[in-house]
Every structure is written in C-alpha cells, then in structure tokens.
C-alpha atoms as a PDB file:
ATOM      1  CA  MET A   1     101.385  79.739  93.370  1.00  0.00           C
ATOM      2  CA  PHE A   2     102.554  79.962  89.761  1.00  0.00           C
ATOM      3  CA  GLU A   3     100.248  78.713  87.042  1.00  0.00           C
ATOM      4  CA  THR A   4     101.463  80.835  84.134  1.00  0.00           C
ATOM      5  CA  VAL A   5     104.980  82.130  83.558  1.00  0.00           C
ATOM      6  CA  VAL A   6     105.886  84.458  80.702  1.00  0.00           C
ATOM      7  CA  VAL A   7     109.420  84.343  79.358  1.00  0.00           C
ATOM      8  CA  ALA A   8     110.292  87.266  77.143  1.00  0.00           C
ATOM      9  CA  THR A   9     112.741  86.241  74.460  1.00  0.00           C
ATOM     10  CA  ASP A  10     114.638  88.105  71.802  1.00  0.00           C
ATOM     11  CA  GLY A  11     116.888  85.202  70.879  1.00  0.00           C
ATOM     12  CA  SER A  12     119.957  86.761  72.487  1.00  0.00           C
ATOM     13  CA  ARG A  13     122.499  84.809  74.534  1.00  0.00           C
ATOM     14  CA  SER A  14     121.383  86.692  77.628  1.00  0.00           C
ATOM     15  CA  VAL A  15     117.887  85.257  77.509  1.00  0.00           C
ATOM     16  CA  ALA A  16     119.008  81.589  77.313  1.00  0.00           C
ATOM     17  CA  ARG A  17     119.428  81.355  81.097  1.00  0.00           C
ATOM     18  CA  ALA A  18     116.106  83.123  81.628  1.00  0.00           C
ATOM     19  CA  VAL A  19     114.442  80.495  79.443  1.00  0.00           C
ATOM     20  CA  ASP A  20     116.005  77.710  81.529  1.00  0.00           C
ATOM     21  CA  CYS A  21     114.885  79.419  84.756  1.00  0.00           C
ATOM     22  CA  ALA A  22     111.336  79.893  83.456  1.00  0.00           C
ATOM     23  CA  LEU A  23     111.139  76.242  82.413  1.00  0.00           C
ATOM     24  CA  ASP A  24     112.501  75.127  85.807  1.00  0.00           C
ATOM     25  CA  LEU A  25     110.023  77.340  87.649  1.00  0.00           C
ATOM     26  CA  ALA A  26     107.160  76.002  85.564  1.00  0.00           C
ATOM     27  CA  ALA A  27     108.244  72.410  86.163  1.00  0.00           C
ATOM     28  CA  LYS A  28     108.294  72.932  89.939  1.00  0.00           C
ATOM     29  CA  PHE A  29     104.791  74.392  89.988  1.00  0.00           C
ATOM     30  CA  ASP A  30     103.270  72.447  87.077  1.00  0.00           C
ATOM     31  CA  ALA A  31     102.783  75.762  85.301  1.00  0.00           C
ATOM     32  CA  THR A  32     102.467  76.741  81.669  1.00  0.00           C
ATOM     33  CA  VAL A  33     105.181  78.843  80.053  1.00  0.00           C
ATOM     34  CA  HIS A  34     104.319  81.480  77.484  1.00  0.00           C
ATOM     35  CA  ALA A  35     107.337  82.353  75.320  1.00  0.00           C
ATOM     36  CA  LEU A  36     106.835  85.893  74.057  1.00  0.00           C
ATOM     37  CA  TYR A  37     108.714  87.647  71.269  1.00  0.00           C
ATOM     38  CA  ILE A  38     108.193  91.338  70.585  1.00  0.00           C
ATOM     39  CA  ILE A  39     108.724  92.881  67.179  1.00  0.00           C
ATOM     40  CA  ASN A  40     109.978  96.337  68.071  1.00  0.00           C
ATOM     41  CA  GLU A  41     108.081  98.658  65.760  1.00  0.00           C
ATOM     42  CA  GLY A  42     110.656 101.374  66.439  1.00  0.00           C
ATOM     43  CA  GLN A  43     113.257  99.351  64.568  1.00  0.00           C
ATOM     44  CA  VAL A  44     111.078  99.446  61.455  1.00  0.00           C
ATOM     45  CA  GLU A  45     109.672 102.966  61.694  1.00  0.00           C
ATOM     46  CA  SER A  46     113.076 104.605  62.065  1.00  0.00           C
ATOM     47  CA  LEU A  47     114.189 103.326  58.650  1.00  0.00           C
ATOM     48  CA  PRO A  48     113.360 104.606  55.179  1.00  0.00           C
ATOM     49  CA  GLU A  49     109.965 103.313  54.047  1.00  0.00           C
ATOM     50  CA  ARG A  50     111.453 101.316  51.170  1.00  0.00           C
ATOM     51  CA  LEU A  51     113.170  99.077  53.756  1.00  0.00           C
ATOM     52  CA  HIS A  52     110.150  98.457  55.986  1.00  0.00           C
ATOM     53  CA  SER A  53     109.026  95.252  54.302  1.00  0.00           C
ATOM     54  CA  ASP A  54     112.490  93.659  54.280  1.00  0.00           C
ATOM     55  CA  VAL A  55     113.254  94.640  57.872  1.00  0.00           C
ATOM     56  CA  ARG A  56     109.852  93.450  59.058  1.00  0.00           C
ATOM     57  CA  GLN A  57     110.430  90.102  57.333  1.00  0.00           C
ATOM     58  CA  ALA A  58     113.861  89.812  58.977  1.00  0.00           C
ATOM     59  CA  LEU A  59     112.348  90.601  62.388  1.00  0.00           C
ATOM     60  CA  ASP A  60     109.611  88.014  61.817  1.00  0.00           C
ATOM     61  CA  GLU A  61     112.272  85.407  61.014  1.00  0.00           C
ATOM     62  CA  GLN A  62     114.353  86.441  64.026  1.00  0.00           C
ATOM     63  CA  GLY A  63     111.267  86.075  66.204  1.00  0.00           C
ATOM     64  CA  GLN A  64     110.508  82.606  64.900  1.00  0.00           C
ATOM     65  CA  GLU A  65     114.107  81.560  65.566  1.00  0.00           C
ATOM     66  CA  ALA A  66     113.904  82.945  69.118  1.00  0.00           C
ATOM     67  CA  LEU A  67     110.663  81.080  69.805  1.00  0.00           C
ATOM     68  CA  ASP A  68     112.025  77.911  68.190  1.00  0.00           C
ATOM     69  CA  ALA A  69     114.998  78.072  70.595  1.00  0.00           C
ATOM     70  CA  VAL A  70     112.587  78.097  73.552  1.00  0.00           C
ATOM     71  CA  LEU A  71     110.644  75.179  72.079  1.00  0.00           C
ATOM     72  CA  GLU A  72     113.901  73.245  71.568  1.00  0.00           C
ATOM     73  CA  ALA A  73     115.050  73.972  75.131  1.00  0.00           C
ATOM     74  CA  ASN A  74     111.749  72.641  76.425  1.00  0.00           C
ATOM     75  CA  ASP A  75     111.856  69.561  74.176  1.00  0.00           C
ATOM     76  CA  ALA A  76     115.385  68.784  75.458  1.00  0.00           C
ATOM     77  CA  ARG A  77     114.125  68.534  79.049  1.00  0.00           C
ATOM     78  CA  ASP A  78     113.482  65.147  80.638  1.00  0.00           C
ATOM     79  CA  GLU A  79     109.948  66.319  81.364  1.00  0.00           C
ATOM     80  CA  PRO A  80     108.863  69.164  79.090  1.00  0.00           C
ATOM     81  CA  VAL A  81     106.343  71.667  80.441  1.00  0.00           C
ATOM     82  CA  ASP A  82     103.255  73.022  78.725  1.00  0.00           C
ATOM     83  CA  LEU A  83     104.477  75.761  76.412  1.00  0.00           C
ATOM     84  CA  GLU A  84     102.745  78.347  74.280  1.00  0.00           C
ATOM     85  CA  THR A  85     104.304  80.933  72.010  1.00  0.00           C
ATOM     86  CA  ALA A  86     103.194  84.414  71.075  1.00  0.00           C
ATOM     87  CA  VAL A  87     104.388  87.363  69.026  1.00  0.00           C
ATOM     88  CA  ARG A  88     103.401  90.963  69.620  1.00  0.00           C
ATOM     89  CA  VAL A  89     104.313  94.176  67.828  1.00  0.00           C
ATOM     90  CA  GLY A  90     105.158  97.395  69.624  1.00  0.00           C
ATOM     91  CA  ARG A  91     107.422  98.771  72.297  1.00  0.00           C
ATOM     92  CA  PRO A  92     108.938  95.761  74.075  1.00  0.00           C
ATOM     93  CA  ALA A  93     108.415  96.678  77.734  1.00  0.00           C
ATOM     94  CA  LYS A  94     104.864  97.895  77.167  1.00  0.00           C
ATOM     95  CA  GLN A  95     103.978  94.782  75.166  1.00  0.00           C
ATOM     96  CA  ILE A  96     105.501  92.405  77.739  1.00  0.00           C
ATOM     97  CA  VAL A  97     103.585  93.997  80.611  1.00  0.00           C
ATOM     98  CA  GLY A  98     100.420  94.128  78.496  1.00  0.00           C
ATOM     99  CA  TYR A  99     100.738  90.450  77.651  1.00  0.00           C
ATOM    100  CA  VAL A 100     101.239  89.576  81.328  1.00  0.00           C
ATOM    101  CA  ARG A 101      98.013  91.399  82.129  1.00  0.00           C
ATOM    102  CA  ASP A 102      96.111  89.984  79.154  1.00  0.00           C
ATOM    103  CA  ILE A 103      96.783  86.347  80.052  1.00  0.00           C
ATOM    104  CA  ASP A 104      96.741  86.944  83.814  1.00  0.00           C
ATOM    105  CA  ALA A 105     100.273  85.555  84.200  1.00  0.00           C
ATOM    106  CA  ASP A 106     101.773  84.971  87.623  1.00  0.00           C
ATOM    107  CA  ALA A 107     105.400  85.844  86.845  1.00  0.00           C
ATOM    108  CA  VAL A 108     107.775  87.059  84.137  1.00  0.00           C
ATOM    109  CA  ALA A 109     111.294  85.795  83.433  1.00  0.00           C
ATOM    110  CA  MET A 110     113.704  87.725  81.253  1.00  0.00           C
ATOM    111  CA  GLY A 111     117.357  88.353  80.643  1.00  0.00           C
ATOM    112  CA  THR A 112     119.007  91.483  81.923  1.00  0.00           C
ATOM    113  CA  ARG A 113     120.522  92.297  78.549  1.00  0.00           C
ATOM    114  CA  GLY A 114     119.080  91.962  75.094  1.00  0.00           C
ATOM    115  CA  ARG A 115     119.991  92.513  71.488  1.00  0.00           C
ATOM    116  CA  SER A 116     120.129  96.278  71.903  1.00  0.00           C
ATOM    117  CA  GLY A 117     123.642  96.030  73.268  1.00  0.00           C
ATOM    118  CA  GLU A 118     125.719  95.359  76.311  1.00  0.00           C
ATOM    119  CA  HIS A 119     126.406  98.218  78.650  1.00  0.00           C
ATOM    120  CA  SER A 120     127.499  98.767  82.208  1.00  0.00           C
ATOM    121  CA  PHE A 121     124.054  99.321  83.720  1.00  0.00           C
ATOM    122  CA  LEU A 122     122.632  96.775  86.139  1.00  0.00           C
ATOM    123  CA  LEU A 123     119.638  96.101  83.874  1.00  0.00           C
ATOM    124  CA  GLY A 124     118.941  96.684  80.231  1.00  0.00           C
ATOM    125  CA  SER A 125     116.350  99.358  79.532  1.00  0.00           C
ATOM    126  CA  VAL A 126     113.585  96.890  78.626  1.00  0.00           C
ATOM    127  CA  ALA A 127     114.185  94.760  81.718  1.00  0.00           C
ATOM    128  CA  GLU A 128     114.252  97.861  83.907  1.00  0.00           C
ATOM    129  CA  ARG A 129     110.929  99.117  82.521  1.00  0.00           C
ATOM    130  CA  VAL A 130     109.294  95.727  82.956  1.00  0.00           C
ATOM    131  CA  VAL A 131     110.526  95.493  86.563  1.00  0.00           C
ATOM    132  CA  ARG A 132     109.139  98.956  87.282  1.00  0.00           C
ATOM    133  CA  THR A 133     105.753  98.470  85.603  1.00  0.00           C
ATOM    134  CA  SER A 134     104.844  94.785  85.827  1.00  0.00           C
ATOM    135  CA  PRO A 135     101.927  93.923  88.100  1.00  0.00           C
ATOM    136  CA  GLU A 136     103.543  90.528  88.734  1.00  0.00           C
ATOM    137  CA  PRO A 137     106.980  89.432  89.985  1.00  0.00           C
ATOM    138  CA  VAL A 138     109.799  89.689  87.462  1.00  0.00           C
ATOM    139  CA  LEU A 139     112.698  87.269  87.566  1.00  0.00           C
ATOM    140  CA  THR A 140     115.694  88.917  85.904  1.00  0.00           C
ATOM    141  CA  VAL A 141     118.435  86.506  84.966  1.00  0.00           C
ATOM    142  CA  ARG A 142     121.892  87.656  84.046  1.00  0.00           C
ATOM    143  CA  GLN A 143     124.194  85.925  81.635  1.00  0.00           C
ATOM    144  CA  LEU A 144     127.107  84.271  83.456  1.00  0.00           C
ATOM    145  CA  ASP A 145     129.878  84.879  80.920  1.00  0.00           C
END
C-alpha cells in the first residue's frame, strides 16, 4: 500500500513526531522514506540583497541539520528503514506537493506547526495548503507538549 513516504522537515520540534510516525509507517510497509527540506525563497527575497548570501548559507545549514536529525532518528531505530534526503528551493507547500508528484510518493507526513510560529489555528499554513493540494494522503502530526 505504501512504498514511498515523504516526511517534510524544517527541523522544528513539531516535526519530530511526524518523523517518528513516517519511520514507523515505512517500517510497517517496508517503504522508503524521503526526508524533504524546503529552503523558503521568500525568507531570502524579502531581505536586502546584501544579506542574501549569508541568509541563504544559514538556511542551507539549517536544512542540513534538519535532515541530519531525520537520519539520526532512523539510525537510532532497531531496524532502520531505507531513507533518502532531498532539498528544494521555493514556496514550501508547493515544493512539498511537487516533490510528492515527482517521485510518485504514496503519502506525506508532516508536523502541524513549523518554524514560522505557533498560533491557535488547527494547522499551520504550510500543512493546511499541503492537505488541500496533495494528490496523496497527508498525515499531520501534532506536537504533544
């Protein structure tokens, strides 16, 4: 039923449970997990041009740390699953859904809140857009704190 599961990560605390759920789902179905980090181009473009290079470098480093956390979570499992990592640049929801289509994934797992801030809505804006536009099922996982 599930051969490929995408887990969208931004390195936030909220996504840690989504990573665990994606790895559990993949283990049950002998699926491959694709950990996906999106560099939000809007974060760079909205700043003065002299800062673009430094901010882009910081976002690249943040992305590597987020993907490393997924790799570490998988390595800590008794039986790690097949895991691939990817980075895309653009608007997060659009890139997540595009990646799902590009690799013909069977499901997406993601946190309900990301780095853009906690608020009282049921879903964060990226999660809401992915739920509304994804061609595949989306597992949204809330943080329990």
